[in-house]
Amino acid sequence: MRQRFHTIIKPEPNGWFVGWVEEIPGTITQARTLAQCRENLRDALQLMLETHRDEARMPLDATCIQESLDIEVPDPSGTTPNGLANGHSHRRAAYGRLTPTDSDP
């Protein structure tokens, strides 16, 4: 199964590259080269997904229903540098992610 994730890689003043995966909190790495940072991100993402899946399946029993879920997500290129989509105001939900306010169109 192939999935697509979005990364951000930031060159640091010391010459290193720091990268993280937008959709999976905690998936972060650093490297001396851009190519190595990309490779490290793939490895870190794979490990995070395997770990999360293993942990999620620990309580499985015969009563559990396993399904796939498909959703539509906005294109990340439509965001501004501060993370706000299309200039709309946003608020932080209790879990720390940006969510539209009730007054957004």
N, C-alpha and C. Protein backbone atom coordinates (compact mmCIF):
# COMPACT_ATOMS: atom_id res chain seq x y z
N MET A 1 0.85 -1.17 0.00
CA MET A 1 0.00 0.00 0.00
C MET A 1 0.90 1.24 0.00
N ARG A 2 0.60 2.17 -0.85
CA ARG A 2 1.39 3.38 -0.96
C ARG A 2 0.58 4.54 -0.40
N GLN A 3 1.22 5.35 0.44
CA GLN A 3 0.59 6.54 1.01
C GLN A 3 1.50 7.73 0.78
N ARG A 4 0.93 8.91 0.71
CA ARG A 4 1.71 10.12 0.52
C ARG A 4 1.66 10.97 1.78
N PHE A 5 2.80 11.47 2.18
CA PHE A 5 2.93 12.36 3.32
C PHE A 5 3.68 13.61 2.87
N HIS A 6 3.54 14.66 3.63
CA HIS A 6 4.16 15.94 3.28
C HIS A 6 5.23 16.29 4.30
N THR A 7 6.38 16.69 3.78
CA THR A 7 7.51 17.01 4.64
C THR A 7 7.87 18.48 4.54
N ILE A 8 8.51 18.95 5.57
CA ILE A 8 9.11 20.28 5.57
C ILE A 8 10.57 20.07 5.95
N ILE A 9 11.46 20.62 5.16
CA ILE A 9 12.89 20.53 5.45
C ILE A 9 13.42 21.96 5.53
N LYS A 10 14.03 22.26 6.66
CA LYS A 10 14.53 23.61 6.91
C LYS A 10 16.05 23.61 6.99
N PRO A 11 16.71 24.33 6.09
CA PRO A 11 18.17 24.46 6.20
C PRO A 11 18.50 25.32 7.42
N GLU A 12 19.44 24.87 8.22
CA GLU A 12 19.86 25.60 9.41
C GLU A 12 21.12 26.42 9.11
N PRO A 13 21.35 27.50 9.86
CA PRO A 13 22.53 28.32 9.63
C PRO A 13 23.85 27.55 9.78
N ASN A 14 23.85 26.47 10.54
CA ASN A 14 25.07 25.70 10.74
C ASN A 14 25.35 24.71 9.61
N GLY A 15 24.51 24.74 8.56
CA GLY A 15 24.71 23.87 7.41
C GLY A 15 23.92 22.57 7.44
N TRP A 16 23.33 22.24 8.57
CA TRP A 16 22.53 21.03 8.70
C TRP A 16 21.13 21.28 8.14
N PHE A 17 20.39 20.19 7.92
CA PHE A 17 19.00 20.24 7.49
C PHE A 17 18.15 19.55 8.54
N VAL A 18 17.06 20.20 8.93
CA VAL A 18 16.10 19.62 9.88
C VAL A 18 14.81 19.38 9.12
N GLY A 19 14.27 18.17 9.23
CA GLY A 19 13.05 17.84 8.51
C GLY A 19 12.03 17.16 9.39
N TRP A 20 10.76 17.37 9.05
CA TRP A 20 9.67 16.72 9.78
C TRP A 20 8.52 16.43 8.84
N VAL A 21 7.64 15.53 9.27
CA VAL A 21 6.47 15.12 8.49
C VAL A 21 5.25 15.83 9.08
N GLU A 22 4.54 16.56 8.25
CA GLU A 22 3.40 17.36 8.72
C GLU A 22 2.32 16.52 9.41
N GLU A 23 2.01 15.37 8.85
CA GLU A 23 0.86 14.60 9.32
C GLU A 23 1.14 13.71 10.53
N ILE A 24 2.39 13.46 10.84
CA ILE A 24 2.72 12.52 11.92
C ILE A 24 3.60 13.24 12.95
N PRO A 25 2.99 13.81 13.99
CA PRO A 25 3.78 14.50 15.02
C PRO A 25 4.87 13.61 15.58
N GLY A 26 6.03 14.19 15.79
CA GLY A 26 7.15 13.45 16.34
C GLY A 26 8.06 12.84 15.30
N THR A 27 7.66 12.87 14.04
CA THR A 27 8.51 12.35 12.97
C THR A 27 9.41 13.49 12.52
N ILE A 28 10.60 13.54 13.10
CA ILE A 28 11.54 14.64 12.87
C ILE A 28 12.94 14.07 12.82
N THR A 29 13.80 14.70 12.02
CA THR A 29 15.17 14.24 11.89
C THR A 29 16.06 15.40 11.48
N GLN A 30 17.35 15.13 11.42
CA GLN A 30 18.31 16.12 10.93
C GLN A 30 19.44 15.39 10.22
N ALA A 31 20.14 16.11 9.35
CA ALA A 31 21.27 15.52 8.63
C ALA A 31 22.15 16.63 8.07
N ARG A 32 23.36 16.25 7.69
CA ARG A 32 24.30 17.22 7.12
C ARG A 32 23.98 17.56 5.67
N THR A 33 23.28 16.65 4.95
CA THR A 33 22.93 16.91 3.55
C THR A 33 21.43 16.79 3.35
N LEU A 34 20.93 17.44 2.32
CA LEU A 34 19.51 17.37 1.99
C LEU A 34 19.11 15.93 1.64
N ALA A 35 19.94 15.25 0.87
CA ALA A 35 19.63 13.87 0.50
C ALA A 35 19.55 12.96 1.73
N GLN A 36 20.48 13.12 2.66
CA GLN A 36 20.47 12.31 3.87
C GLN A 36 19.26 12.63 4.74
N CYS A 37 18.87 13.91 4.78
CA CYS A 37 17.69 14.31 5.55
C CYS A 37 16.44 13.64 4.98
N ARG A 38 16.33 13.62 3.66
CA ARG A 38 15.18 12.95 3.02
C ARG A 38 15.17 11.45 3.33
N GLU A 39 16.34 10.83 3.27
CA GLU A 39 16.43 9.40 3.58
C GLU A 39 16.07 9.14 5.05
N ASN A 40 16.58 9.99 5.94
CA ASN A 40 16.27 9.85 7.37
C ASN A 40 14.77 10.02 7.62
N LEU A 41 14.13 10.96 6.89
CA LEU A 41 12.69 11.16 7.06
C LEU A 41 11.91 9.92 6.64
N ARG A 42 12.31 9.30 5.54
CA ARG A 42 11.63 8.06 5.12
C ARG A 42 11.76 6.98 6.20
N ASP A 43 12.98 6.83 6.73
CA ASP A 43 13.20 5.83 7.77
C ASP A 43 12.40 6.14 9.03
N ALA A 44 12.41 7.41 9.45
CA ALA A 44 11.69 7.80 10.66
C ALA A 44 10.18 7.61 10.48
N LEU A 45 9.67 7.97 9.31
CA LEU A 45 8.24 7.82 9.04
C LEU A 45 7.84 6.35 9.05
N GLN A 46 8.63 5.52 8.42
CA GLN A 46 8.34 4.09 8.40
C GLN A 46 8.28 3.53 9.82
N LEU A 47 9.24 3.90 10.63
CA LEU A 47 9.28 3.43 12.02
C LEU A 47 8.07 3.93 12.81
N MET A 48 7.73 5.21 12.64
CA MET A 48 6.57 5.77 13.36
C MET A 48 5.28 5.05 12.95
N LEU A 49 5.09 4.82 11.66
CA LEU A 49 3.86 4.16 11.20
C LEU A 49 3.78 2.72 11.72
N GLU A 50 4.89 2.01 11.66
CA GLU A 50 4.89 0.63 12.17
C GLU A 50 4.60 0.61 13.67
N THR A 51 5.21 1.52 14.41
CA THR A 51 5.01 1.57 15.86
C THR A 51 3.57 1.92 16.20
N HIS A 52 3.01 2.93 15.54
CA HIS A 52 1.63 3.34 15.81
C HIS A 52 0.66 2.21 15.46
N ARG A 53 0.90 1.54 14.33
CA ARG A 53 0.01 0.46 13.93
C ARG A 53 0.09 -0.69 14.94
N ASP A 54 1.30 -1.06 15.33
CA ASP A 54 1.45 -2.14 16.32
C ASP A 54 0.74 -1.80 17.62
N GLU A 55 0.91 -0.57 18.10
CA GLU A 55 0.28 -0.16 19.35
C GLU A 55 -1.24 -0.12 19.23
N ALA A 56 -1.74 0.32 18.07
CA ALA A 56 -3.18 0.40 17.86
C ALA A 56 -3.82 -0.99 17.83
N ARG A 57 -3.08 -1.99 17.39
CA ARG A 57 -3.62 -3.34 17.26
C ARG A 57 -3.48 -4.19 18.52
N MET A 58 -2.83 -3.69 19.54
CA MET A 58 -2.65 -4.48 20.77
C MET A 58 -3.97 -4.94 21.39
N PRO A 59 -5.02 -4.10 21.44
CA PRO A 59 -6.25 -4.56 22.08
C PRO A 59 -7.22 -5.30 21.15
N LEU A 60 -6.79 -5.66 19.94
CA LEU A 60 -7.69 -6.35 19.00
C LEU A 60 -8.19 -7.67 19.58
N ASP A 61 -9.48 -7.91 19.33
CA ASP A 61 -10.07 -9.22 19.64
C ASP A 61 -11.12 -9.52 18.57
N ALA A 62 -11.83 -10.60 18.73
CA ALA A 62 -12.78 -11.05 17.71
C ALA A 62 -13.94 -10.09 17.49
N THR A 63 -14.19 -9.18 18.45
CA THR A 63 -15.31 -8.24 18.30
C THR A 63 -14.93 -6.99 17.51
N CYS A 64 -13.67 -6.79 17.26
CA CYS A 64 -13.20 -5.58 16.58
C CYS A 64 -13.49 -5.62 15.09
N ILE A 65 -13.78 -4.46 14.54
CA ILE A 65 -14.01 -4.31 13.11
C ILE A 65 -12.86 -3.46 12.56
N GLN A 66 -12.12 -4.01 11.62
CA GLN A 66 -11.03 -3.26 10.99
C GLN A 66 -11.48 -2.81 9.61
N GLU A 67 -11.31 -1.53 9.32
CA GLU A 67 -11.70 -0.96 8.04
C GLU A 67 -10.66 0.05 7.60
N SER A 68 -10.67 0.35 6.31
CA SER A 68 -9.88 1.45 5.78
C SER A 68 -10.77 2.68 5.72
N LEU A 69 -10.18 3.83 5.82
CA LEU A 69 -10.92 5.08 5.80
C LEU A 69 -10.23 6.03 4.83
N ASP A 70 -10.96 6.51 3.85
CA ASP A 70 -10.43 7.48 2.90
C ASP A 70 -11.05 8.84 3.18
N ILE A 71 -10.22 9.87 3.18
CA ILE A 71 -10.71 11.24 3.37
C ILE A 71 -10.08 12.15 2.32
N GLU A 72 -10.70 13.26 2.06
CA GLU A 72 -10.13 14.29 1.19
C GLU A 72 -9.43 15.30 2.08
N VAL A 73 -8.23 15.67 1.74
CA VAL A 73 -7.50 16.68 2.50
C VAL A 73 -7.09 17.81 1.57
N PRO A 74 -7.04 19.03 2.09
CA PRO A 74 -6.65 20.15 1.25
C PRO A 74 -5.18 20.03 0.83
N ASP A 75 -4.88 20.57 -0.32
CA ASP A 75 -3.51 20.59 -0.82
C ASP A 75 -2.67 21.48 0.09
N PRO A 76 -1.56 20.96 0.62
CA PRO A 76 -0.76 21.76 1.55
C PRO A 76 -0.12 22.97 0.90
N SER A 77 -0.05 23.02 -0.42
CA SER A 77 0.56 24.18 -1.07
C SER A 77 -0.33 25.40 -0.99
N GLY A 78 -1.58 25.24 -0.53
CA GLY A 78 -2.49 26.37 -0.40
C GLY A 78 -2.36 27.11 0.92
N THR A 79 -1.30 26.81 1.69
CA THR A 79 -1.13 27.46 2.98
C THR A 79 -0.08 28.55 2.90
N THR A 80 -0.17 29.46 3.83
CA THR A 80 0.79 30.55 3.92
C THR A 80 1.95 30.12 4.81
N PRO A 81 3.04 30.87 4.84
CA PRO A 81 4.18 30.47 5.67
C PRO A 81 3.84 30.28 7.15
N ASN A 82 2.82 30.97 7.66
CA ASN A 82 2.45 30.80 9.06
C ASN A 82 1.47 29.65 9.26
N GLY A 83 1.15 28.92 8.19
CA GLY A 83 0.31 27.74 8.31
C GLY A 83 -1.18 27.99 8.14
N LEU A 84 -1.58 29.22 7.89
CA LEU A 84 -3.00 29.51 7.74
C LEU A 84 -3.42 29.30 6.30
N ALA A 85 -4.49 28.56 6.11
CA ALA A 85 -4.97 28.28 4.77
C ALA A 85 -5.75 29.46 4.21
N ASN A 86 -5.40 29.90 3.05
CA ASN A 86 -6.14 30.92 2.30
C ASN A 86 -6.45 32.18 3.11
N GLY A 87 -5.64 32.51 4.09
CA GLY A 87 -5.82 33.73 4.83
C GLY A 87 -6.94 33.70 5.86
N HIS A 88 -7.61 32.57 6.07
CA HIS A 88 -8.68 32.48 7.06
C HIS A 88 -8.10 32.51 8.47
N SER A 89 -8.88 33.04 9.39
CA SER A 89 -8.43 33.01 10.77
C SER A 89 -8.64 31.60 11.32
N HIS A 90 -7.79 31.20 12.23
CA HIS A 90 -7.86 29.87 12.83
C HIS A 90 -7.63 29.98 14.31
N ARG A 91 -8.04 28.96 15.02
CA ARG A 91 -7.78 28.90 16.45
C ARG A 91 -7.16 27.54 16.74
N ARG A 92 -6.45 27.45 17.82
CA ARG A 92 -5.87 26.17 18.22
C ARG A 92 -6.88 25.40 19.05
N ALA A 93 -7.13 24.17 18.62
CA ALA A 93 -8.02 23.31 19.39
C ALA A 93 -7.27 22.81 20.62
N ALA A 94 -7.96 22.13 21.48
CA ALA A 94 -7.36 21.66 22.73
C ALA A 94 -6.15 20.77 22.47
N TYR A 95 -6.13 20.06 21.35
CA TYR A 95 -5.01 19.17 21.07
C TYR A 95 -3.91 19.86 20.26
N GLY A 96 -4.02 21.17 20.02
CA GLY A 96 -2.93 21.93 19.45
C GLY A 96 -2.91 22.10 17.95
N ARG A 97 -3.88 21.56 17.24
CA ARG A 97 -3.89 21.73 15.79
C ARG A 97 -4.72 22.96 15.43
N LEU A 98 -4.43 23.52 14.27
CA LEU A 98 -5.20 24.68 13.82
C LEU A 98 -6.54 24.20 13.27
N THR A 99 -7.61 24.88 13.68
CA THR A 99 -8.94 24.57 13.19
C THR A 99 -9.62 25.87 12.81
N PRO A 100 -10.50 25.85 11.77
CA PRO A 100 -11.20 27.07 11.41
C PRO A 100 -12.08 27.55 12.56
N THR A 101 -12.21 28.87 12.69
CA THR A 101 -13.12 29.41 13.69
C THR A 101 -14.54 29.35 13.14
N ASP A 102 -15.52 29.47 14.03
CA ASP A 102 -16.91 29.40 13.60
C ASP A 102 -17.26 30.51 12.64
N SER A 103 -16.54 31.62 12.67
CA SER A 103 -16.86 32.76 11.80
C SER A 103 -16.22 32.64 10.43
N ASP A 104 -15.42 31.59 10.16
CA ASP A 104 -14.81 31.44 8.84
C ASP A 104 -15.88 31.18 7.80
N PRO A 105 -15.70 31.74 6.61
CA PRO A 105 -16.67 31.48 5.53
C PRO A 105 -16.63 30.05 5.07
